[in-house]
C-alpha atoms as a PDB file:
ATOM      1  CA  ILE A   1      -0.052   0.072   0.271  1.00  0.00           C
ATOM      2  CA  ASN A   2       3.161   2.155   0.214  1.00  0.00           C
ATOM      3  CA  VAL A   3       4.888   4.084  -2.258  1.00  0.00           C
ATOM      4  CA  TRP A   4       8.660   3.908  -1.167  1.00  0.00           C
ATOM      5  CA  VAL A   5      12.218   5.592  -1.555  1.00  0.00           C
ATOM      6  CA  TYR A   6      14.929   4.066   0.153  1.00  0.00           C
ATOM      7  CA  THR A   7      19.204   3.481   0.208  1.00  0.00           C
ATOM      8  CA  LYS A   8      20.941   0.654  -1.354  1.00  0.00           C
ATOM      9  CA  GLU A   9      22.223  -0.019   2.095  1.00  0.00           C
ATOM     10  CA  PHE A  10      18.334  -0.092   3.431  1.00  0.00           C
ATOM     11  CA  ALA A  11      17.394  -2.419   0.564  1.00  0.00           C
ATOM     12  CA  GLU A  12      19.984  -4.981   1.377  1.00  0.00           C
ATOM     13  CA  ARG A  13      19.349  -5.012   5.033  1.00  0.00           C
ATOM     14  CA  PHE A  14      15.765  -5.461   4.834  1.00  0.00           C
ATOM     15  CA  GLY A  15      15.187  -7.315   1.905  1.00  0.00           C
ATOM     16  CA  MET A  16      13.372  -4.837  -0.115  1.00  0.00           C
ATOM     17  CA  PRO A  17      12.790  -4.521  -4.007  1.00  0.00           C
ATOM     18  CA  GLU A  18      15.708  -2.635  -5.993  1.00  0.00           C
ATOM     19  CA  LYS A  19      13.148  -0.828  -7.669  1.00  0.00           C
ATOM     20  CA  TRP A  20      12.623   1.932  -5.065  1.00  0.00           C
ATOM     21  CA  VAL A  21      16.399   2.237  -4.343  1.00  0.00           C
ATOM     22  CA  SER A  22      17.409   6.085  -5.075  1.00  0.00           C
ATOM     23  CA  GLY A  23      20.956   7.528  -4.650  1.00  0.00           C
ATOM     24  CA  GLU A  24      19.292  10.930  -4.209  1.00  0.00           C
ATOM     25  CA  LEU A  25      17.689  10.156  -0.690  1.00  0.00           C
ATOM     26  CA  GLU A  26      19.497  12.124   1.979  1.00  0.00           C
ATOM     27  CA  GLY A  27      19.087  12.068   5.731  1.00  0.00           C
ATOM     28  CA  ALA A  28      16.888   9.184   6.036  1.00  0.00           C
ATOM     29  CA  HIS A  29      17.334   5.514   5.343  1.00  0.00           C
ATOM     30  CA  GLY A  30      13.919   5.277   3.692  1.00  0.00           C
ATOM     31  CA  ALA A  31      10.563   7.067   3.555  1.00  0.00           C
ATOM     32  CA  ALA A  32       7.118   5.770   2.942  1.00  0.00           C
ATOM     33  CA  PHE A  33       3.687   7.606   1.832  1.00  0.00           C
ATOM     34  CA  ARG A  34       0.464   5.938   1.521  1.00  0.00           C
ATOM     35  CA  VAL A  35      -3.303   7.369   1.635  1.00  0.00           C
ATOM     36  CA  GLU A  36      -5.488   5.809   4.694  1.00  0.00           C
ATOM     37  CA  THR A  37      -9.061   5.774   4.468  1.00  0.00           C
ATOM     38  CA  SER A  38     -10.928   6.474   7.773  1.00  0.00           C
ATOM     39  CA  SER A  39     -14.020   4.549   9.299  1.00  0.00           C
ATOM     40  CA  SER A  40     -15.408   8.123   9.454  1.00  0.00           C
ATOM     41  CA  ARG A  41     -16.891  10.557   7.080  1.00  0.00           C
ATOM     42  CA  LEU A  42     -17.340  14.333   6.711  1.00  0.00           C
ATOM     43  CA  MET A  43     -20.693  15.407   6.978  1.00  0.00           C
ATOM     44  CA  PHE A  44     -22.626  17.831   4.965  1.00  0.00           C
ATOM     45  CA  SER A  45     -25.345  18.294   6.913  1.00  0.00           C
ATOM     46  CA  HIS A  46     -26.442  21.973   5.898  1.00  0.00           C
ATOM     47  CA  LYS A  47     -26.739  20.211   2.371  1.00  0.00           C
ATOM     48  CA  ARG A  48     -29.173  17.337   3.674  1.00  0.00           C
ATOM     49  CA  GLU A  49     -29.595  14.551   6.241  1.00  0.00           C
ATOM     50  CA  GLY A  50     -27.131  11.868   5.707  1.00  0.00           C
ATOM     51  CA  VAL A  51     -24.963  13.794   3.110  1.00  0.00           C
ATOM     52  CA  SER A  52     -21.171  12.877   3.457  1.00  0.00           C
ATOM     53  CA  LYS A  53     -17.849  12.116   1.975  1.00  0.00           C
ATOM     54  CA  PRO A  54     -15.249   9.738   2.902  1.00  0.00           C
ATOM     55  CA  VAL A  55     -12.175  11.110   4.992  1.00  0.00           C
ATOM     56  CA  ARG A  56      -8.749  10.057   4.025  1.00  0.00           C
ATOM     57  CA  ARG A  57      -4.886  10.637   5.605  1.00  0.00           C
ATOM     58  CA  CYS A  58      -1.907  10.981   3.985  1.00  0.00           C
ATOM     59  CA  VAL A  59       0.663   9.034   6.035  1.00  0.00           C
ATOM     60  CA  LEU A  60       4.407   9.599   5.548  1.00  0.00           C
ATOM     61  CA  ASP A  61       6.453   7.010   7.313  1.00  0.00           C
ATOM     62  CA  LEU A  62      10.390   8.477   7.794  1.00  0.00           C
ATOM     63  CA  PHE A  63      13.275   5.803   8.944  1.00  0.00           C
ATOM     64  CA  LEU A  64      15.819   7.882  10.513  1.00  0.00           C
ATOM     65  CA  PRO A  65      19.222   7.101  11.419  1.00  0.00           C
ATOM     66  CA  THR A  66      19.333   7.091  15.280  1.00  0.00           C
ATOM     67  CA  ASP A  67      22.229   9.751  15.591  1.00  0.00           C
ATOM     68  CA  ALA A  68      20.017  12.248  13.596  1.00  0.00           C
ATOM     69  CA  ASP A  69      19.618  15.820  14.931  1.00  0.00           C
ATOM     70  CA  ILE A  70      15.783  15.499  15.741  1.00  0.00           C
ATOM     71  CA  PRO A  71      14.006  17.885  18.289  1.00  0.00           C
ATOM     72  CA  TRP A  72      12.482  14.964  20.380  1.00  0.00           C
ATOM     73  CA  ALA A  73      10.169  15.962  23.160  1.00  0.00           C
ATOM     74  CA  ASN A  74      11.963  13.523  25.763  1.00  0.00           C
ATOM     75  CA  GLU A  75      13.307  10.109  26.447  1.00  0.00           C
ATOM     76  CA  LYS A  76      10.380   8.463  25.559  1.00  0.00           C
ATOM     77  CA  VAL A  77      10.888   5.663  23.547  1.00  0.00           C
ATOM     78  CA  ALA A  78       7.683   5.023  21.661  1.00  0.00           C
ATOM     79  CA  ASP A  79       3.963   6.474  21.195  1.00  0.00           C
ATOM     80  CA  ILE A  80       0.822   6.556  19.641  1.00  0.00           C
ATOM     81  CA  TRP A  81      -0.542   9.910  19.112  1.00  0.00           C
ATOM     82  CA  TRP A  82      -4.248   8.764  17.755  1.00  0.00           C
ATOM     83  CA  TYR A  83      -5.092   5.950  20.243  1.00  0.00           C
ATOM     84  CA  THR A  84      -8.575   5.861  18.359  1.00  0.00           C
ATOM     85  CA  PRO A  85      -8.967   6.644  15.123  1.00  0.00           C
ATOM     86  CA  ASP A  86     -11.477   9.759  15.439  1.00  0.00           C
ATOM     87  CA  ALA A  87     -13.521  10.621  18.546  1.00  0.00           C
ATOM     88  CA  PRO A  88     -10.822  12.630  20.104  1.00  0.00           C
ATOM     89  CA  THR A  89     -10.936  15.204  17.488  1.00  0.00           C
ATOM     90  CA  TYR A  90     -14.261  15.991  18.294  1.00  0.00           C
ATOM     91  CA  LEU A  91     -13.357  16.660  22.103  1.00  0.00           C
ATOM     92  CA  MET A  92     -13.146  20.618  22.653  1.00  0.00           C
ATOM     93  CA  PRO A  93     -11.070  21.269  25.785  1.00  0.00           C
ATOM     94  CA  GLN A  94     -13.337  23.985  28.122  1.00  0.00           C
ATOM     95  CA  ARG A  95     -10.361  24.230  30.719  1.00  0.00           C
ATOM     96  CA  GLU A  96      -7.114  25.663  30.432  1.00  0.00           C
ATOM     97  CA  LYS A  97      -5.339  22.366  31.733  1.00  0.00           C
ATOM     98  CA  ASP A  98      -7.222  20.264  29.227  1.00  0.00           C
ATOM     99  CA  GLU A  99      -6.113  23.268  26.274  1.00  0.00           C
ATOM    100  CA  GLN A 100      -2.161  22.922  27.765  1.00  0.00           C
ATOM    101  CA  TRP A 101      -2.690  18.952  27.778  1.00  0.00           C
ATOM    102  CA  GLN A 102      -3.933  18.844  24.234  1.00  0.00           C
ATOM    103  CA  ARG A 103      -0.944  21.433  23.041  1.00  0.00           C
ATOM    104  CA  ARG A 104       1.672  19.376  24.595  1.00  0.00           C
ATOM    105  CA  PRO A 105       4.653  18.105  22.299  1.00  0.00           C
ATOM    106  CA  VAL A 106       4.317  14.272  21.333  1.00  0.00           C
ATOM    107  CA  GLY A 107       6.987  12.940  19.990  1.00  0.00           C
ATOM    108  CA  LEU A 108       8.591  16.264  18.975  1.00  0.00           C
ATOM    109  CA  SER A 109       9.355  19.316  21.019  1.00  0.00           C
ATOM    110  CA  GLY A 110       9.851  21.228  17.814  1.00  0.00           C
ATOM    111  CA  ARG A 111       8.522  21.279  14.300  1.00  0.00           C
ATOM    112  CA  ALA A 112       8.544  18.991  11.096  1.00  0.00           C
ATOM    113  CA  LEU A 113       7.729  20.899   7.867  1.00  0.00           C
ATOM    114  CA  VAL A 114       7.266  19.645   4.663  1.00  0.00           C
ATOM    115  CA  ARG A 115       8.863  22.346   1.921  1.00  0.00           C
ATOM    116  CA  TYR A 116       8.075  21.734  -1.610  1.00  0.00           C
ATOM    117  CA  GLU A 117       9.642  23.575  -4.363  1.00  0.00           C
ATOM    118  CA  GLU A 118       6.980  24.662  -6.215  1.00  0.00           C
ATOM    119  CA  ALA A 119       3.846  24.339  -3.733  1.00  0.00           C
ATOM    120  CA  GLY A 120       5.176  26.139  -0.744  1.00  0.00           C
ATOM    121  CA  PHE A 121       4.962  24.591   3.138  1.00  0.00           C
ATOM    122  CA  GLY A 122       2.902  21.833   4.358  1.00  0.00           C
ATOM    123  CA  GLY A 123       2.283  21.131   7.912  1.00  0.00           C
ATOM    124  CA  LEU A 124       3.274  17.429   9.590  1.00  0.00           C
ATOM    125  CA  ILE A 125       1.990  16.098  12.647  1.00  0.00           C
ATOM    126  CA  VAL A 126       3.354  13.183  14.890  1.00  0.00           C
ATOM    127  CA  ARG A 127       1.222   9.889  14.329  1.00  0.00           C
ATOM    128  CA  LYS A 128       3.610   7.648  16.099  1.00  0.00           C
ATOM    129  CA  PHE A 129       7.000   6.931  16.888  1.00  0.00           C
ATOM    130  CA  ARG A 130       9.630   4.235  17.833  1.00  0.00           C
ATOM    131  CA  LYS A 131      13.228   4.941  18.517  1.00  0.00           C
ATOM    132  CA  LYS A 132      15.771   2.093  17.992  1.00  0.00           C
ATOM    133  CA  LEU A 133      13.073   0.072  15.832  1.00  0.00           C
ATOM    134  CA  TYR A 134      16.419  -1.467  14.680  1.00  0.00           C
ATOM    135  CA  PRO A 135      20.088  -0.857  15.618  1.00  0.00           C
ATOM    136  CA  GLY A 136      20.741   2.457  14.253  1.00  0.00           C
ATOM    137  CA  VAL A 137      17.188   3.115  12.764  1.00  0.00           C
ATOM    138  CA  ASP A 138      14.713   5.544  14.611  1.00  0.00           C
ATOM    139  CA  TYR A 139      11.231   5.356  12.934  1.00  0.00           C
ATOM    140  CA  LEU A 140       8.799   8.552  12.814  1.00  0.00           C
ATOM    141  CA  SER A 141       5.295   8.280  11.388  1.00  0.00           C
ATOM    142  CA  LEU A 142       3.925  11.599  10.046  1.00  0.00           C
ATOM    143  CA  SER A 143       0.373  12.823   8.786  1.00  0.00           C
ATOM    144  CA  MET A 144       0.426  15.155   6.186  1.00  0.00           C
ATOM    145  CA  THR A 145      -2.817  17.505   5.106  1.00  0.00           C
ATOM    146  CA  CYS A 146      -4.254  15.587   2.029  1.00  0.00           C
ATOM    147  CA  THR A 147      -4.214  19.133   0.148  1.00  0.00           C
ATOM    148  CA  THR A 148      -2.335  19.388  -3.011  1.00  0.00           C
ATOM    149  CA  PRO A 149       1.488  17.969  -2.499  1.00  0.00           C
ATOM    150  CA  GLY A 150       4.386  18.690  -4.646  1.00  0.00           C
ATOM    151  CA  ASP A 151       5.822  16.724  -7.615  1.00  0.00           C
ATOM    152  CA  GLY A 152       9.588  17.831  -7.145  1.00  0.00           C
ATOM    153  CA  VAL A 153      12.095  17.590  -5.079  1.00  0.00           C
ATOM    154  CA  SER A 154      10.994  18.271  -1.553  1.00  0.00           C
ATOM    155  CA  ASN A 155      12.407  18.640   2.256  1.00  0.00           C
ATOM    156  CA  ILE A 156      11.340  17.520   5.374  1.00  0.00           C
ATOM    157  CA  GLU A 157      12.713  19.846   7.754  1.00  0.00           C
ATOM    158  CA  PHE A 158      13.196  19.633  11.592  1.00  0.00           C
ATOM    159  CA  ARG A 159      13.392  22.846  13.611  1.00  0.00           C
ATOM    160  CA  PRO A 160      13.609  23.773  17.476  1.00  0.00           C
ATOM    161  CA  GLU A 161      10.271  24.868  18.624  1.00  0.00           C
ATOM    162  CA  GLY A 162       9.695  28.526  18.646  1.00  0.00           C
ATOM    163  CA  THR A 163      11.725  28.941  15.064  1.00  0.00           C
ATOM    164  CA  SER A 164      10.246  30.656  12.091  1.00  0.00           C
ATOM    165  CA  ARG A 165       9.456  28.530   8.849  1.00  0.00           C
ATOM    166  CA  ARG A 166      11.244  30.891   6.902  1.00  0.00           C
ATOM    167  CA  ASN A 167      14.377  30.790   8.911  1.00  0.00           C
ATOM    168  CA  ALA A 168      16.773  28.478   6.964  1.00  0.00           C
ATOM    169  CA  ASP A 169      19.492  28.487   9.235  1.00  0.00           C
ATOM    170  CA  ALA A 170      16.766  26.959  12.053  1.00  0.00           C
ATOM    171  CA  VAL A 171      17.017  23.740  10.040  1.00  0.00           C
ATOM    172  CA  ILE A 172      18.585  21.135  12.436  1.00  0.00           C
ATOM    173  CA  HIS A 173      17.846  18.205  10.136  1.00  0.00           C
ATOM    174  CA  LYS A 174      16.850  17.808   6.564  1.00  0.00           C
ATOM    175  CA  VAL A 175      15.488  14.620   4.767  1.00  0.00           C
ATOM    176  CA  ARG A 176      15.925  15.339   1.014  1.00  0.00           C
ATOM    177  CA  LEU A 177      12.989  13.435  -0.925  1.00  0.00           C
ATOM    178  CA  PRO A 178      13.969  12.653  -4.659  1.00  0.00           C
ATOM    179  CA  GLU A 179      11.598  14.091  -7.366  1.00  0.00           C
ATOM    180  CA  SER A 180      11.254  10.358  -8.398  1.00  0.00           C
ATOM    181  CA  PHE A 181       9.575   9.597  -5.184  1.00  0.00           C
ATOM    182  CA  MET A 182       7.772  12.787  -5.018  1.00  0.00           C
ATOM    183  CA  GLN A 183       6.283  12.066  -8.853  1.00  0.00           C
ATOM    184  CA  LYS A 184       5.010   8.758  -7.249  1.00  0.00           C
ATOM    185  CA  LEU A 185       3.434  10.363  -4.353  1.00  0.00           C
ATOM    186  CA  TYR A 186       1.722  12.646  -6.044  1.00  0.00           C
ATOM    187  CA  ALA A 187       0.299  10.001  -8.299  1.00  0.00           C
ATOM    188  CA  GLU A 188      -0.806   7.847  -5.371  1.00  0.00           C
ATOM    189  CA  TRP A 189      -2.304  11.190  -3.661  1.00  0.00           C
ATOM    190  CA  LYS A 190      -4.207  12.121  -6.842  1.00  0.00           C
ATOM    191  CA  ALA A 191      -5.557   7.944  -7.362  1.00  0.00           C
ATOM    192  CA  LYS A 192      -6.324   7.798  -3.914  1.00  0.00           C
ATOM    193  CA  SER A 193      -7.403  11.144  -2.390  1.00  0.00           C
ATOM    194  CA  ARG A 194      -8.028  14.053  -4.755  1.00  0.00           C
ATOM    195  CA  ASN A 195      -9.887  12.487  -7.498  1.00  0.00           C
ATOM    196  CA  PRO A 196     -12.738  10.185  -5.978  1.00  0.00           C
ATOM    197  CA  SER A 197     -12.931  12.614  -2.509  1.00  0.00           C
ATOM    198  CA  GLN A 198     -13.093  15.645  -4.707  1.00  0.00           C
ATOM    199  CA  GLY A 199     -15.690  14.574  -7.045  1.00  0.00           C
ATOM    200  CA  GLU A 200     -18.043  13.370  -4.653  1.00  0.00           C
ATOM    201  CA  TYR A 201     -17.410  16.709  -3.035  1.00  0.00           C
ATOM    202  CA  GLU A 202     -18.325  18.970  -6.111  1.00  0.00           C
ATOM    203  CA  GLU A 203     -21.299  16.838  -6.343  1.00  0.00           C
ATOM    204  CA  ILE A 204     -22.592  17.436  -3.055  1.00  0.00           C
ATOM    205  CA  LEU A 205     -22.069  21.291  -3.522  1.00  0.00           C
ATOM    206  CA  GLY A 206     -23.747  21.040  -6.645  1.00  0.00           C
ATOM    207  CA  LYS A 207     -27.111  19.760  -4.946  1.00  0.00           C
END
């Protein structure tokens, strides 16, 4: 279900097909992208009762060197942010303590951004992580917004907390995703996210 890119060494170590090997990947052992369909649906009750469309998530998994300068929030080895798929997103905190808890660092104390050469920036949210998944390999799963991704060379930038996304000097680690991978990523997004959901959305709005 994934679109992959990884180094030759990663492929040899884990028995992965050679077709996804790239010498242009930098800052990571490997990366995988997929579009997940949630069990929930986005409701359009203002149109009429029962009108909805599928909710999809775009997921980017990174396999990082354990010595990469990643702004981890703490020494926690592993965590899952979404313990259940959808219910917590509808709970709006009514107390200051709950608001502070909701904004606590999970996985990263800093920021992770994807910088597209043509399409600007995109936000990334930690889904789950596991440090030292294997010797020398950290695993970090990020949720991307399923809006239009770039299809050229893109960078995943890790920054300390409180730094501007426009400040290039604030980047402490960067993963360079090659154009070949981003083109496959875009094609996967278009096939599984954009076309079906957008067509359904436009149909709903037209009624």
